[in-house]
Amino acid sequence: GRRRAMGGGMGERGTRLLDLSPPELRFERDPKRQLPQATLVLHNPGTETVAFKVRTTSPRKFCVRPSTGVVLPRCKVPVQVILVPPSGAAQGEAGGGPGGGARGQ
């Protein structure tokens, strides 16, 4: 499936604080990993450190790691977005899957 990444916030002078890539996430199943995931890269083209918080409209469907942090000037930070199986699926039963302890955030 595909999900759209929303753009970064705007700075005081109307400049973009963060560039996000890719503009649309594609969840791919890697044979080495059990759950489909995508990587969102946050790029800070500016000269000041920028704090970020990634929130999802469906926290039970997606696990985001790291969900908060900082991006140093002229640096990039990869953020993993993992598609979580429905709670009735075998992996979600024991609470050992991604986001098992992150409910209610």
N, C-alpha and C. Protein backbone atom coordinates (compact mmCIF):
# COMPACT_ATOMS: atom_id res chain seq x y z
N GLY A 1 0.81 -1.19 0.00
CA GLY A 1 0.00 0.00 0.00
C GLY A 1 0.85 1.25 0.00
N ARG A 2 0.20 2.39 -0.24
CA ARG A 2 0.92 3.66 -0.26
C ARG A 2 0.28 4.61 0.72
N ARG A 3 1.07 5.45 1.34
CA ARG A 3 0.59 6.48 2.25
C ARG A 3 1.30 7.76 1.91
N ARG A 4 0.62 8.88 2.03
CA ARG A 4 1.19 10.17 1.71
C ARG A 4 1.87 10.77 2.93
N ALA A 5 3.08 11.26 2.74
CA ALA A 5 3.81 11.94 3.81
C ALA A 5 3.47 13.42 3.75
N MET A 6 3.06 13.98 4.85
CA MET A 6 2.73 15.40 4.89
C MET A 6 4.02 16.21 5.00
N GLY A 7 4.06 17.37 4.38
CA GLY A 7 5.26 18.20 4.34
C GLY A 7 5.66 18.74 5.69
N GLY A 8 6.92 19.14 5.80
CA GLY A 8 7.44 19.72 7.03
C GLY A 8 6.84 21.08 7.30
N GLY A 9 6.99 21.56 8.52
CA GLY A 9 6.46 22.86 8.92
C GLY A 9 7.22 24.01 8.29
N MET A 10 6.64 25.17 8.40
CA MET A 10 7.26 26.36 7.83
C MET A 10 7.93 27.17 8.94
N GLY A 11 9.07 27.75 8.62
CA GLY A 11 9.79 28.59 9.57
C GLY A 11 9.22 29.99 9.62
N GLU A 12 9.83 30.84 10.43
CA GLU A 12 9.36 32.21 10.61
C GLU A 12 9.31 33.00 9.31
N ARG A 13 10.28 32.80 8.45
CA ARG A 13 10.36 33.57 7.21
C ARG A 13 9.71 32.86 6.03
N GLY A 14 8.87 31.88 6.31
CA GLY A 14 8.20 31.15 5.24
C GLY A 14 9.07 30.10 4.59
N THR A 15 10.21 29.80 5.18
CA THR A 15 11.09 28.76 4.63
C THR A 15 10.70 27.41 5.23
N ARG A 16 10.89 26.37 4.46
CA ARG A 16 10.56 25.02 4.94
C ARG A 16 11.62 24.59 5.95
N LEU A 17 11.16 24.10 7.12
CA LEU A 17 12.09 23.65 8.15
C LEU A 17 12.70 22.29 7.81
N LEU A 18 11.89 21.38 7.28
CA LEU A 18 12.35 20.04 6.94
C LEU A 18 11.87 19.65 5.56
N ASP A 19 12.71 18.94 4.84
CA ASP A 19 12.30 18.32 3.57
C ASP A 19 12.05 16.85 3.88
N LEU A 20 10.94 16.31 3.36
CA LEU A 20 10.60 14.91 3.58
C LEU A 20 10.73 14.14 2.28
N SER A 21 11.33 12.97 2.35
CA SER A 21 11.39 12.12 1.16
C SER A 21 11.27 10.66 1.58
N PRO A 22 10.60 9.86 0.81
CA PRO A 22 9.87 10.22 -0.41
C PRO A 22 8.55 10.91 -0.05
N PRO A 23 7.92 11.57 -1.03
CA PRO A 23 6.65 12.24 -0.76
C PRO A 23 5.51 11.26 -0.51
N GLU A 24 5.68 10.02 -0.93
CA GLU A 24 4.67 8.98 -0.72
C GLU A 24 5.38 7.72 -0.26
N LEU A 25 4.89 7.12 0.84
CA LEU A 25 5.52 5.91 1.37
C LEU A 25 4.96 4.67 0.70
N ARG A 26 5.85 3.75 0.37
CA ARG A 26 5.45 2.44 -0.17
C ARG A 26 5.93 1.39 0.81
N PHE A 27 4.99 0.62 1.33
CA PHE A 27 5.35 -0.42 2.29
C PHE A 27 5.73 -1.69 1.56
N GLU A 28 6.96 -2.10 1.78
CA GLU A 28 7.50 -3.27 1.12
C GLU A 28 7.78 -4.34 2.16
N ARG A 29 7.52 -5.57 1.80
CA ARG A 29 7.81 -6.68 2.70
C ARG A 29 9.21 -7.20 2.37
N ASP A 30 10.11 -7.08 3.34
CA ASP A 30 11.48 -7.54 3.19
C ASP A 30 11.55 -8.97 3.72
N PRO A 31 12.16 -9.91 2.99
CA PRO A 31 12.23 -11.29 3.48
C PRO A 31 12.92 -11.41 4.84
N LYS A 32 13.81 -10.49 5.16
CA LYS A 32 14.52 -10.54 6.44
C LYS A 32 13.67 -9.98 7.59
N ARG A 33 12.69 -9.15 7.24
CA ARG A 33 11.83 -8.55 8.26
C ARG A 33 10.45 -9.17 8.14
N GLN A 34 9.74 -9.21 9.27
CA GLN A 34 8.44 -9.88 9.26
C GLN A 34 7.30 -8.94 8.90
N LEU A 35 7.42 -7.65 9.15
CA LEU A 35 6.33 -6.72 8.91
C LEU A 35 6.70 -5.73 7.81
N PRO A 36 5.72 -5.35 6.98
CA PRO A 36 6.00 -4.35 5.94
C PRO A 36 6.39 -3.02 6.56
N GLN A 37 7.39 -2.37 5.98
CA GLN A 37 7.81 -1.08 6.51
C GLN A 37 8.33 -0.18 5.40
N ALA A 38 8.40 1.10 5.73
CA ALA A 38 8.90 2.10 4.80
C ALA A 38 9.78 3.06 5.59
N THR A 39 10.68 3.73 4.90
CA THR A 39 11.56 4.70 5.54
C THR A 39 11.25 6.09 5.03
N LEU A 40 11.02 7.00 5.96
CA LEU A 40 10.81 8.41 5.66
C LEU A 40 12.07 9.13 6.09
N VAL A 41 12.66 9.91 5.20
CA VAL A 41 13.90 10.63 5.54
C VAL A 41 13.58 12.10 5.77
N LEU A 42 13.95 12.60 6.96
CA LEU A 42 13.77 14.01 7.30
C LEU A 42 15.10 14.70 7.06
N HIS A 43 15.10 15.75 6.23
CA HIS A 43 16.32 16.49 5.90
C HIS A 43 16.17 17.93 6.36
N ASN A 44 17.14 18.40 7.13
CA ASN A 44 17.15 19.78 7.59
C ASN A 44 18.15 20.56 6.73
N PRO A 45 17.65 21.34 5.75
CA PRO A 45 18.56 22.09 4.88
C PRO A 45 19.06 23.38 5.51
N GLY A 46 18.51 23.73 6.67
CA GLY A 46 18.84 25.01 7.31
C GLY A 46 20.11 24.99 8.13
N THR A 47 20.30 26.07 8.88
CA THR A 47 21.50 26.25 9.69
C THR A 47 21.22 26.12 11.19
N GLU A 48 19.98 25.77 11.55
CA GLU A 48 19.63 25.60 12.96
C GLU A 48 19.03 24.22 13.18
N THR A 49 19.18 23.68 14.38
CA THR A 49 18.62 22.39 14.74
C THR A 49 17.10 22.48 14.76
N VAL A 50 16.42 21.43 14.26
CA VAL A 50 14.97 21.39 14.22
C VAL A 50 14.49 20.15 14.97
N ALA A 51 13.53 20.35 15.90
CA ALA A 51 12.92 19.23 16.61
C ALA A 51 11.75 18.72 15.77
N PHE A 52 11.48 17.41 15.86
CA PHE A 52 10.36 16.84 15.11
C PHE A 52 9.56 15.87 15.97
N LYS A 53 8.30 15.70 15.61
CA LYS A 53 7.43 14.68 16.19
C LYS A 53 6.57 14.16 15.06
N VAL A 54 6.63 12.86 14.83
CA VAL A 54 5.83 12.23 13.77
C VAL A 54 4.61 11.61 14.43
N ARG A 55 3.44 12.01 13.96
CA ARG A 55 2.19 11.46 14.48
C ARG A 55 1.43 10.83 13.34
N THR A 56 0.69 9.79 13.65
CA THR A 56 -0.12 9.11 12.66
C THR A 56 -1.59 9.26 13.00
N THR A 57 -2.43 9.26 11.99
CA THR A 57 -3.87 9.33 12.23
C THR A 57 -4.42 7.95 12.60
N SER A 58 -3.61 6.92 12.43
CA SER A 58 -4.02 5.55 12.77
C SER A 58 -2.93 4.88 13.61
N PRO A 59 -2.82 5.24 14.90
CA PRO A 59 -1.73 4.69 15.72
C PRO A 59 -1.78 3.17 15.90
N ARG A 60 -2.94 2.57 15.73
CA ARG A 60 -3.02 1.10 15.85
C ARG A 60 -2.54 0.40 14.58
N LYS A 61 -2.49 1.14 13.47
CA LYS A 61 -2.05 0.57 12.19
C LYS A 61 -0.57 0.79 11.91
N PHE A 62 0.00 1.87 12.46
CA PHE A 62 1.38 2.22 12.14
C PHE A 62 2.20 2.45 13.40
N CYS A 63 3.42 1.97 13.37
CA CYS A 63 4.39 2.20 14.44
C CYS A 63 5.50 3.06 13.83
N VAL A 64 5.85 4.17 14.48
CA VAL A 64 6.85 5.09 13.96
C VAL A 64 8.03 5.12 14.93
N ARG A 65 9.24 4.89 14.39
CA ARG A 65 10.46 4.89 15.21
C ARG A 65 11.60 5.57 14.50
N PRO A 66 12.25 6.56 15.07
CA PRO A 66 11.82 7.27 16.28
C PRO A 66 10.65 8.19 15.96
N SER A 67 9.77 8.39 16.93
CA SER A 67 8.62 9.26 16.68
C SER A 67 8.94 10.72 17.03
N THR A 68 9.98 10.93 17.82
CA THR A 68 10.42 12.30 18.15
C THR A 68 11.93 12.36 18.09
N GLY A 69 12.45 13.56 17.92
CA GLY A 69 13.89 13.73 17.91
C GLY A 69 14.28 15.09 17.37
N VAL A 70 15.54 15.22 17.02
CA VAL A 70 16.05 16.47 16.44
C VAL A 70 16.84 16.14 15.18
N VAL A 71 16.83 17.09 14.26
CA VAL A 71 17.63 16.97 13.04
C VAL A 71 18.61 18.13 13.06
N LEU A 72 19.88 17.80 13.11
CA LEU A 72 20.92 18.82 13.14
C LEU A 72 20.99 19.56 11.81
N PRO A 73 21.56 20.75 11.80
CA PRO A 73 21.66 21.51 10.55
C PRO A 73 22.35 20.71 9.43
N ARG A 74 21.77 20.78 8.24
CA ARG A 74 22.29 20.11 7.04
C ARG A 74 22.48 18.60 7.24
N CYS A 75 21.61 18.00 8.05
CA CYS A 75 21.67 16.55 8.30
C CYS A 75 20.35 15.89 7.96
N LYS A 76 20.39 14.56 7.90
CA LYS A 76 19.20 13.76 7.60
C LYS A 76 18.98 12.74 8.71
N VAL A 77 17.72 12.44 8.98
CA VAL A 77 17.36 11.42 9.97
C VAL A 77 16.35 10.47 9.33
N PRO A 78 16.68 9.16 9.29
CA PRO A 78 15.71 8.20 8.76
C PRO A 78 14.69 7.83 9.85
N VAL A 79 13.43 7.73 9.46
CA VAL A 79 12.36 7.36 10.38
C VAL A 79 11.68 6.13 9.79
N GLN A 80 11.61 5.04 10.56
CA GLN A 80 10.96 3.81 10.10
C GLN A 80 9.47 3.89 10.42
N VAL A 81 8.64 3.57 9.43
CA VAL A 81 7.20 3.48 9.61
C VAL A 81 6.83 2.03 9.33
N ILE A 82 6.31 1.36 10.35
CA ILE A 82 6.02 -0.07 10.25
C ILE A 82 4.51 -0.28 10.23
N LEU A 83 4.04 -1.08 9.29
CA LEU A 83 2.63 -1.42 9.18
C LEU A 83 2.36 -2.54 10.18
N VAL A 84 1.54 -2.27 11.19
CA VAL A 84 1.26 -3.23 12.26
C VAL A 84 0.06 -4.08 11.86
N PRO A 85 0.15 -5.42 12.04
CA PRO A 85 -0.98 -6.27 11.68
C PRO A 85 -2.15 -6.03 12.63
N PRO A 86 -3.37 -6.37 12.20
CA PRO A 86 -4.53 -6.24 13.10
C PRO A 86 -4.30 -7.03 14.38
N SER A 87 -4.91 -6.61 15.48
CA SER A 87 -4.66 -7.22 16.79
C SER A 87 -4.98 -8.71 16.83
N GLY A 88 -5.82 -9.23 15.96
CA GLY A 88 -6.14 -10.65 15.93
C GLY A 88 -5.09 -11.49 15.24
N ALA A 89 -4.12 -10.83 14.59
CA ALA A 89 -3.06 -11.57 13.88
C ALA A 89 -2.13 -12.21 14.88
N ALA A 90 -1.46 -13.27 14.47
CA ALA A 90 -0.60 -14.05 15.36
C ALA A 90 0.47 -13.23 16.04
N GLN A 91 1.11 -12.29 15.33
CA GLN A 91 2.21 -11.54 15.93
C GLN A 91 1.74 -10.55 16.97
N GLY A 92 0.55 -10.00 16.84
CA GLY A 92 0.08 -9.00 17.77
C GLY A 92 -0.48 -9.57 19.04
N GLU A 93 -0.72 -10.89 19.11
CA GLU A 93 -1.36 -11.52 20.25
C GLU A 93 -0.60 -11.34 21.55
N ALA A 94 0.71 -11.60 21.54
CA ALA A 94 1.49 -11.59 22.78
C ALA A 94 1.98 -10.20 23.15
N GLY A 95 1.71 -9.21 22.33
CA GLY A 95 2.17 -7.87 22.64
C GLY A 95 3.64 -7.68 22.34
N GLY A 96 4.26 -8.63 21.67
CA GLY A 96 5.67 -8.53 21.38
C GLY A 96 5.97 -7.83 20.08
N GLY A 97 4.94 -7.45 19.34
CA GLY A 97 5.15 -6.79 18.07
C GLY A 97 5.52 -5.34 18.25
N PRO A 98 5.83 -4.63 17.16
CA PRO A 98 6.18 -3.21 17.26
C PRO A 98 5.05 -2.41 17.86
N GLY A 99 5.42 -1.48 18.71
CA GLY A 99 4.42 -0.61 19.32
C GLY A 99 3.66 -1.29 20.43
N GLY A 100 4.07 -2.49 20.85
CA GLY A 100 3.37 -3.22 21.90
C GLY A 100 3.22 -2.40 23.16
N GLY A 101 4.25 -1.62 23.51
CA GLY A 101 4.18 -0.81 24.72
C GLY A 101 3.86 0.64 24.41
N ALA A 102 3.57 0.96 23.16
CA ALA A 102 3.37 2.35 22.78
C ALA A 102 1.90 2.75 22.70
N ARG A 103 1.01 1.87 23.11
CA ARG A 103 -0.41 2.19 23.01
C ARG A 103 -0.75 3.31 23.98
N GLY A 104 -1.66 4.14 23.55
CA GLY A 104 -2.11 5.23 24.40
C GLY A 104 -1.28 6.48 24.27
N GLN A 105 -0.30 6.49 23.38
CA GLN A 105 0.53 7.69 23.22
C GLN A 105 -0.20 8.72 22.44
